[in-house]
């Protein structure tokens, strides 16, 4: 194969590759000029924070006591997730009418460890 033939073959191959990627890109919609992300203000029923205490059964966290819940959160759902880096468990309950305190039992006890993460979220009311 001569040098000119190899160059022509290489150019033809490059055109095929480029036109194929152009064809795939042309199928993307262009009507919307957004990525689909957005932001919204989420109202809070409790703005001054809450207290969290892990209740142990032996060396495992079996439940979590939450205190200082605002009465504005009444009848909302309180979700708790405990993660020790190896295992995690969660539980939920309904916030009492006057707010205050409540204990959420985890689905399965999690070994207590340093650096354990506990997430609490109230959705609703």
N, C-alpha and C. Protein backbone atom coordinates (compact mmCIF):
# COMPACT_ATOMS: atom_id res chain seq x y z
N UNK A 1 0.86 -1.17 0.00
CA UNK A 1 0.00 0.00 0.00
C UNK A 1 0.91 1.23 0.00
N UNK A 2 0.65 2.14 -0.90
CA UNK A 2 1.48 3.32 -1.01
C UNK A 2 1.17 4.30 0.12
N UNK A 3 2.07 5.24 0.29
CA UNK A 3 1.90 6.23 1.36
C UNK A 3 0.64 7.06 1.13
N UNK A 4 0.34 7.44 -0.07
CA UNK A 4 -0.85 8.22 -0.39
C UNK A 4 -2.11 7.43 -0.08
N UNK A 5 -2.10 6.14 -0.33
CA UNK A 5 -3.26 5.29 -0.04
C UNK A 5 -3.49 5.19 1.46
N UNK A 6 -2.39 5.04 2.22
CA UNK A 6 -2.52 4.97 3.67
C UNK A 6 -3.06 6.26 4.25
N UNK A 7 -2.62 7.38 3.73
CA UNK A 7 -3.12 8.68 4.20
C UNK A 7 -4.60 8.82 3.87
N UNK A 8 -4.97 8.46 2.66
CA UNK A 8 -6.38 8.55 2.25
C UNK A 8 -7.24 7.63 3.12
N UNK A 9 -6.74 6.42 3.40
CA UNK A 9 -7.48 5.49 4.24
C UNK A 9 -7.62 6.05 5.66
N UNK A 10 -6.56 6.64 6.20
CA UNK A 10 -6.59 7.25 7.54
C UNK A 10 -7.58 8.40 7.61
N UNK A 11 -7.61 9.26 6.59
CA UNK A 11 -8.54 10.38 6.56
C UNK A 11 -9.97 9.86 6.49
N UNK A 12 -10.22 8.85 5.68
CA UNK A 12 -11.57 8.28 5.56
C UNK A 12 -12.01 7.68 6.89
N UNK A 13 -11.11 6.98 7.58
CA UNK A 13 -11.44 6.40 8.89
C UNK A 13 -11.75 7.50 9.90
N UNK A 14 -10.99 8.57 9.88
CA UNK A 14 -11.23 9.69 10.80
C UNK A 14 -12.59 10.33 10.53
N UNK A 15 -12.96 10.46 9.28
CA UNK A 15 -14.27 11.05 8.93
C UNK A 15 -15.40 10.17 9.45
N UNK A 16 -15.25 8.86 9.31
CA UNK A 16 -16.28 7.93 9.80
C UNK A 16 -16.44 8.06 11.31
N UNK A 17 -15.32 8.09 12.04
CA UNK A 17 -15.38 8.20 13.51
C UNK A 17 -16.01 9.52 13.93
N UNK A 18 -15.59 10.63 13.34
CA UNK A 18 -16.10 11.95 13.70
C UNK A 18 -17.58 12.07 13.34
N UNK A 19 -17.97 11.60 12.17
CA UNK A 19 -19.38 11.72 11.79
C UNK A 19 -20.26 10.85 12.67
N UNK A 20 -19.76 9.72 13.14
CA UNK A 20 -20.52 8.88 14.06
C UNK A 20 -20.77 9.57 15.38
N UNK A 21 -19.76 10.23 15.93
CA UNK A 21 -19.95 10.93 17.21
C UNK A 21 -20.85 12.15 17.02
N UNK A 22 -20.78 12.78 15.85
CA UNK A 22 -21.67 13.91 15.59
C UNK A 22 -23.11 13.43 15.52
N UNK A 23 -23.34 12.28 14.91
CA UNK A 23 -24.70 11.75 14.79
C UNK A 23 -25.28 11.46 16.17
N UNK A 24 -24.49 10.91 17.10
CA UNK A 24 -24.97 10.64 18.44
C UNK A 24 -25.28 11.94 19.18
N UNK A 25 -24.44 12.92 19.03
CA UNK A 25 -24.65 14.19 19.71
C UNK A 25 -25.86 14.92 19.15
N UNK A 26 -26.16 14.72 17.89
CA UNK A 26 -27.29 15.44 17.30
C UNK A 26 -28.63 14.93 17.83
N UNK A 27 -28.65 13.77 18.48
CA UNK A 27 -29.90 13.26 19.01
C UNK A 27 -30.25 13.88 20.37
N UNK A 28 -29.37 14.67 20.94
CA UNK A 28 -29.64 15.32 22.21
C UNK A 28 -30.61 16.48 22.01
N UNK A 29 -31.60 16.56 22.88
CA UNK A 29 -32.57 17.64 22.78
C UNK A 29 -31.94 18.98 23.14
N UNK A 30 -32.38 20.02 22.47
CA UNK A 30 -31.83 21.35 22.73
C UNK A 30 -32.90 22.35 23.12
N UNK A 31 -34.14 21.89 23.31
CA UNK A 31 -35.23 22.82 23.62
C UNK A 31 -35.04 23.45 25.00
N UNK A 32 -34.57 22.68 25.97
CA UNK A 32 -34.38 23.20 27.31
C UNK A 32 -32.94 23.64 27.50
N UNK A 33 -32.73 24.75 28.15
CA UNK A 33 -31.39 25.24 28.38
C UNK A 33 -30.99 25.06 29.85
N UNK A 34 -31.54 24.03 30.53
CA UNK A 34 -31.18 23.75 31.91
C UNK A 34 -30.71 22.31 32.03
N UNK A 35 -29.97 22.03 33.10
CA UNK A 35 -29.51 20.68 33.36
C UNK A 35 -30.53 19.87 34.14
N UNK A 36 -31.53 20.49 34.67
CA UNK A 36 -32.53 19.78 35.43
C UNK A 36 -32.36 19.97 36.93
N UNK A 37 -31.33 20.64 37.34
CA UNK A 37 -31.13 20.93 38.75
C UNK A 37 -31.90 22.17 39.14
N UNK A 38 -32.25 22.26 40.39
CA UNK A 38 -32.99 23.42 40.85
C UNK A 38 -32.76 23.54 42.35
N UNK A 39 -33.18 24.61 42.92
CA UNK A 39 -33.09 24.75 44.37
C UNK A 39 -34.41 25.30 44.87
N UNK A 40 -34.71 24.94 46.10
CA UNK A 40 -35.94 25.41 46.72
C UNK A 40 -35.71 25.56 48.21
N UNK A 41 -36.37 26.51 48.79
CA UNK A 41 -36.28 26.70 50.22
C UNK A 41 -37.14 25.64 50.90
N UNK A 42 -36.54 24.95 51.87
CA UNK A 42 -37.26 23.93 52.61
C UNK A 42 -37.57 24.48 54.00
N UNK A 43 -38.84 24.60 54.34
CA UNK A 43 -39.18 25.15 55.66
C UNK A 43 -38.77 24.18 56.77
N UNK A 44 -38.40 24.75 57.90
CA UNK A 44 -38.00 23.94 59.05
C UNK A 44 -39.02 24.11 60.16
N UNK A 45 -39.34 22.98 60.79
CA UNK A 45 -40.27 23.07 61.91
C UNK A 45 -39.52 23.30 63.22
N UNK A 46 -38.21 23.00 63.24
CA UNK A 46 -37.41 23.17 64.46
C UNK A 46 -36.13 23.88 64.08
N UNK A 47 -35.95 25.11 64.54
CA UNK A 47 -34.79 25.90 64.13
C UNK A 47 -33.71 26.02 65.20
N UNK A 48 -33.99 25.54 66.43
CA UNK A 48 -33.00 25.72 67.50
C UNK A 48 -32.23 24.45 67.83
N UNK A 49 -32.38 23.40 67.04
CA UNK A 49 -31.62 22.17 67.25
C UNK A 49 -32.32 21.20 68.19
N UNK A 50 -31.77 20.00 68.23
CA UNK A 50 -32.31 18.93 69.06
C UNK A 50 -31.18 18.25 69.81
N UNK A 51 -31.53 17.47 70.82
CA UNK A 51 -30.55 16.68 71.55
C UNK A 51 -30.64 15.22 71.12
N UNK A 52 -29.49 14.55 71.04
CA UNK A 52 -29.45 13.15 70.62
C UNK A 52 -28.67 12.35 71.66
N UNK A 53 -29.27 11.27 72.16
CA UNK A 53 -28.58 10.37 73.11
C UNK A 53 -28.77 8.95 72.60
N UNK A 54 -27.64 8.21 72.49
CA UNK A 54 -27.71 6.81 72.09
C UNK A 54 -28.02 5.95 73.31
N UNK A 55 -29.01 5.11 73.20
CA UNK A 55 -29.35 4.17 74.27
C UNK A 55 -28.70 2.83 73.93
N UNK A 56 -27.86 2.35 74.87
CA UNK A 56 -27.10 1.13 74.62
C UNK A 56 -27.75 -0.10 75.22
N UNK A 57 -27.54 -1.21 74.54
CA UNK A 57 -27.87 -2.53 75.05
C UNK A 57 -26.56 -3.29 74.96
N UNK A 58 -25.86 -3.42 76.08
CA UNK A 58 -24.49 -3.94 76.05
C UNK A 58 -23.60 -2.91 75.40
N UNK A 59 -22.93 -3.28 74.32
CA UNK A 59 -22.07 -2.32 73.60
C UNK A 59 -22.69 -1.93 72.25
N UNK A 60 -24.00 -2.12 72.11
CA UNK A 60 -24.69 -1.80 70.87
C UNK A 60 -25.72 -0.70 71.07
N UNK A 61 -25.86 0.16 70.07
CA UNK A 61 -26.90 1.19 70.09
C UNK A 61 -28.20 0.51 69.66
N UNK A 62 -29.17 0.48 70.57
CA UNK A 62 -30.46 -0.17 70.29
C UNK A 62 -31.54 0.84 69.92
N UNK A 63 -31.43 2.05 70.48
CA UNK A 63 -32.40 3.10 70.21
C UNK A 63 -31.74 4.45 70.38
N UNK A 64 -32.43 5.48 69.93
CA UNK A 64 -31.92 6.85 70.02
C UNK A 64 -33.00 7.72 70.64
N UNK A 65 -32.63 8.45 71.72
CA UNK A 65 -33.55 9.39 72.36
C UNK A 65 -33.31 10.77 71.78
N UNK A 66 -34.38 11.40 71.33
CA UNK A 66 -34.32 12.74 70.75
C UNK A 66 -35.06 13.68 71.67
N UNK A 67 -34.44 14.80 72.02
CA UNK A 67 -35.09 15.78 72.91
C UNK A 67 -35.06 17.16 72.28
N UNK A 68 -35.88 18.06 72.83
CA UNK A 68 -35.91 19.44 72.36
C UNK A 68 -36.60 19.62 71.03
N UNK A 69 -37.54 18.75 70.70
CA UNK A 69 -38.26 18.85 69.43
C UNK A 69 -39.35 19.92 69.57
N UNK A 70 -39.38 20.85 68.65
CA UNK A 70 -40.36 21.94 68.68
C UNK A 70 -41.77 21.42 68.48
N UNK A 71 -42.74 22.09 69.10
CA UNK A 71 -44.14 21.70 68.93
C UNK A 71 -44.61 21.93 67.50
N UNK A 72 -43.89 22.75 66.73
CA UNK A 72 -44.24 22.98 65.32
C UNK A 72 -44.02 21.72 64.48
N UNK A 73 -43.26 20.76 65.01
CA UNK A 73 -42.99 19.50 64.29
C UNK A 73 -44.02 18.43 64.61
N UNK A 74 -45.02 18.75 65.44
CA UNK A 74 -46.02 17.77 65.88
C UNK A 74 -46.61 17.01 64.71
N UNK A 75 -46.73 15.71 64.87
CA UNK A 75 -47.30 14.79 63.89
C UNK A 75 -46.42 14.57 62.66
N UNK A 76 -45.22 15.13 62.65
CA UNK A 76 -44.28 14.85 61.57
C UNK A 76 -43.63 13.49 61.81
N UNK A 77 -42.94 12.98 60.81
CA UNK A 77 -42.24 11.71 60.94
C UNK A 77 -40.78 11.97 61.21
N UNK A 78 -40.27 11.41 62.30
CA UNK A 78 -38.87 11.56 62.67
C UNK A 78 -38.15 10.29 62.26
N UNK A 79 -37.14 10.42 61.41
CA UNK A 79 -36.34 9.28 60.94
C UNK A 79 -34.95 9.38 61.54
N UNK A 80 -34.43 8.25 62.01
CA UNK A 80 -33.09 8.18 62.58
C UNK A 80 -32.31 7.10 61.85
N UNK A 81 -31.05 7.40 61.50
CA UNK A 81 -30.16 6.41 60.91
C UNK A 81 -28.84 6.45 61.66
N UNK A 82 -28.36 5.30 62.12
CA UNK A 82 -27.09 5.20 62.83
C UNK A 82 -26.15 4.37 61.98
N UNK A 83 -24.93 4.89 61.73
CA UNK A 83 -23.95 4.22 60.90
C UNK A 83 -22.61 4.24 61.62
N UNK A 84 -22.01 3.06 61.84
CA UNK A 84 -20.72 2.99 62.52
C UNK A 84 -19.55 2.76 61.56
N UNK A 85 -19.80 2.86 60.27
CA UNK A 85 -18.76 2.65 59.26
C UNK A 85 -18.73 1.23 58.75
N UNK A 86 -19.29 0.30 59.50
CA UNK A 86 -19.36 -1.10 59.09
C UNK A 86 -20.80 -1.54 58.90
N UNK A 87 -21.65 -1.12 59.81
CA UNK A 87 -23.07 -1.48 59.77
C UNK A 87 -23.91 -0.23 60.01
N UNK A 88 -25.16 -0.29 59.59
CA UNK A 88 -26.07 0.81 59.87
C UNK A 88 -27.47 0.26 60.08
N UNK A 89 -28.28 1.06 60.74
CA UNK A 89 -29.67 0.69 60.98
C UNK A 89 -30.48 1.96 61.12
N UNK A 90 -31.79 1.84 60.93
CA UNK A 90 -32.64 3.01 61.02
C UNK A 90 -33.95 2.66 61.71
N UNK A 91 -34.66 3.72 62.05
CA UNK A 91 -35.97 3.59 62.65
C UNK A 91 -36.70 4.89 62.49
N UNK A 92 -38.00 4.88 62.75
CA UNK A 92 -38.78 6.11 62.63
C UNK A 92 -39.94 6.09 63.60
N UNK A 93 -40.52 7.26 63.79
CA UNK A 93 -41.67 7.40 64.66
C UNK A 93 -42.37 8.72 64.39
N UNK A 94 -43.55 8.88 64.96
CA UNK A 94 -44.33 10.11 64.79
C UNK A 94 -44.05 11.04 65.96
N UNK A 95 -43.75 12.30 65.64
CA UNK A 95 -43.47 13.30 66.68
C UNK A 95 -44.75 13.54 67.49
N UNK A 96 -44.66 13.52 68.84
CA UNK A 96 -45.84 13.75 69.67
C UNK A 96 -46.47 15.12 69.43
N UNK A 97 -47.73 15.26 69.78
CA UNK A 97 -48.51 16.48 69.54
C UNK A 97 -47.83 17.73 70.09
N UNK A 98 -47.22 17.67 71.25
CA UNK A 98 -46.59 18.86 71.82
C UNK A 98 -45.11 18.98 71.53
N UNK A 99 -44.58 18.09 70.68
CA UNK A 99 -43.13 18.09 70.44
C UNK A 99 -42.45 17.46 71.63
N UNK A 100 -41.36 18.04 72.10
CA UNK A 100 -40.69 17.55 73.30
C UNK A 100 -39.67 16.48 73.02
N UNK A 101 -39.88 15.27 73.56
CA UNK A 101 -38.91 14.19 73.44
C UNK A 101 -39.57 12.92 72.93
N UNK A 102 -38.75 12.06 72.33
CA UNK A 102 -39.23 10.75 71.90
C UNK A 102 -38.03 9.83 71.72
N UNK A 103 -38.29 8.54 71.77
CA UNK A 103 -37.25 7.54 71.56
C UNK A 103 -37.61 6.72 70.33
N UNK A 104 -36.62 6.53 69.46
CA UNK A 104 -36.81 5.75 68.24
C UNK A 104 -35.97 4.49 68.35
N UNK A 105 -36.63 3.34 68.24
CA UNK A 105 -35.95 2.05 68.28
C UNK A 105 -35.44 1.70 66.89
N UNK A 106 -34.18 1.26 66.82
CA UNK A 106 -33.59 0.90 65.55
C UNK A 106 -34.06 -0.49 65.13
N UNK A 107 -34.11 -0.75 63.83
CA UNK A 107 -34.52 -2.05 63.31
C UNK A 107 -33.57 -3.15 63.79
N UNK A 108 -32.28 -2.84 63.87
CA UNK A 108 -31.27 -3.78 64.37
C UNK A 108 -30.23 -2.96 65.13
N UNK A 109 -29.76 -3.51 66.24
CA UNK A 109 -28.75 -2.80 67.04
C UNK A 109 -27.45 -2.68 66.24
N UNK A 110 -26.75 -1.56 66.46
CA UNK A 110 -25.49 -1.28 65.77
C UNK A 110 -24.40 -1.13 66.83
N UNK A 111 -23.25 -1.77 66.61
CA UNK A 111 -22.14 -1.68 67.56
C UNK A 111 -21.71 -0.23 67.74
N UNK A 112 -21.58 0.20 68.99
CA UNK A 112 -21.15 1.57 69.29
C UNK A 112 -19.65 1.68 69.00
N UNK A 113 -19.26 2.70 68.25
CA UNK A 113 -17.86 2.93 67.89
C UNK A 113 -17.58 4.41 67.93
N UNK A 114 -16.29 4.76 68.09
CA UNK A 114 -15.88 6.16 67.97
C UNK A 114 -16.13 6.61 66.54
N UNK A 115 -16.54 7.83 66.36
CA UNK A 115 -16.77 8.36 65.02
C UNK A 115 -18.05 7.87 64.37
N UNK A 116 -18.94 7.34 65.17
CA UNK A 116 -20.22 6.86 64.66
C UNK A 116 -21.05 8.05 64.16
N UNK A 117 -21.82 7.85 63.11
CA UNK A 117 -22.65 8.93 62.55
C UNK A 117 -24.12 8.65 62.84
N UNK A 118 -24.80 9.67 63.33
CA UNK A 118 -26.25 9.56 63.57
C UNK A 118 -26.93 10.68 62.82
N UNK A 119 -27.84 10.32 61.92
CA UNK A 119 -28.58 11.29 61.13
C UNK A 119 -30.03 11.30 61.61
N UNK A 120 -30.58 12.49 61.81
CA UNK A 120 -31.97 12.65 62.23
C UNK A 120 -32.64 13.62 61.27
N UNK A 121 -33.82 13.23 60.78
CA UNK A 121 -34.57 14.10 59.87
C UNK A 121 -36.04 14.05 60.27
N UNK A 122 -36.70 15.22 60.24
CA UNK A 122 -38.13 15.29 60.50
C UNK A 122 -38.81 15.74 59.22
N UNK A 123 -39.73 14.92 58.74
CA UNK A 123 -40.48 15.31 57.53
C UNK A 123 -41.95 15.53 57.92
N UNK A 124 -42.54 16.48 57.27
CA UNK A 124 -43.91 16.85 57.63
C UNK A 124 -43.85 17.98 58.63
N UNK A 125 -44.76 18.28 59.30
CA UNK A 125 -46.11 17.76 59.41
C UNK A 125 -46.98 18.22 58.29
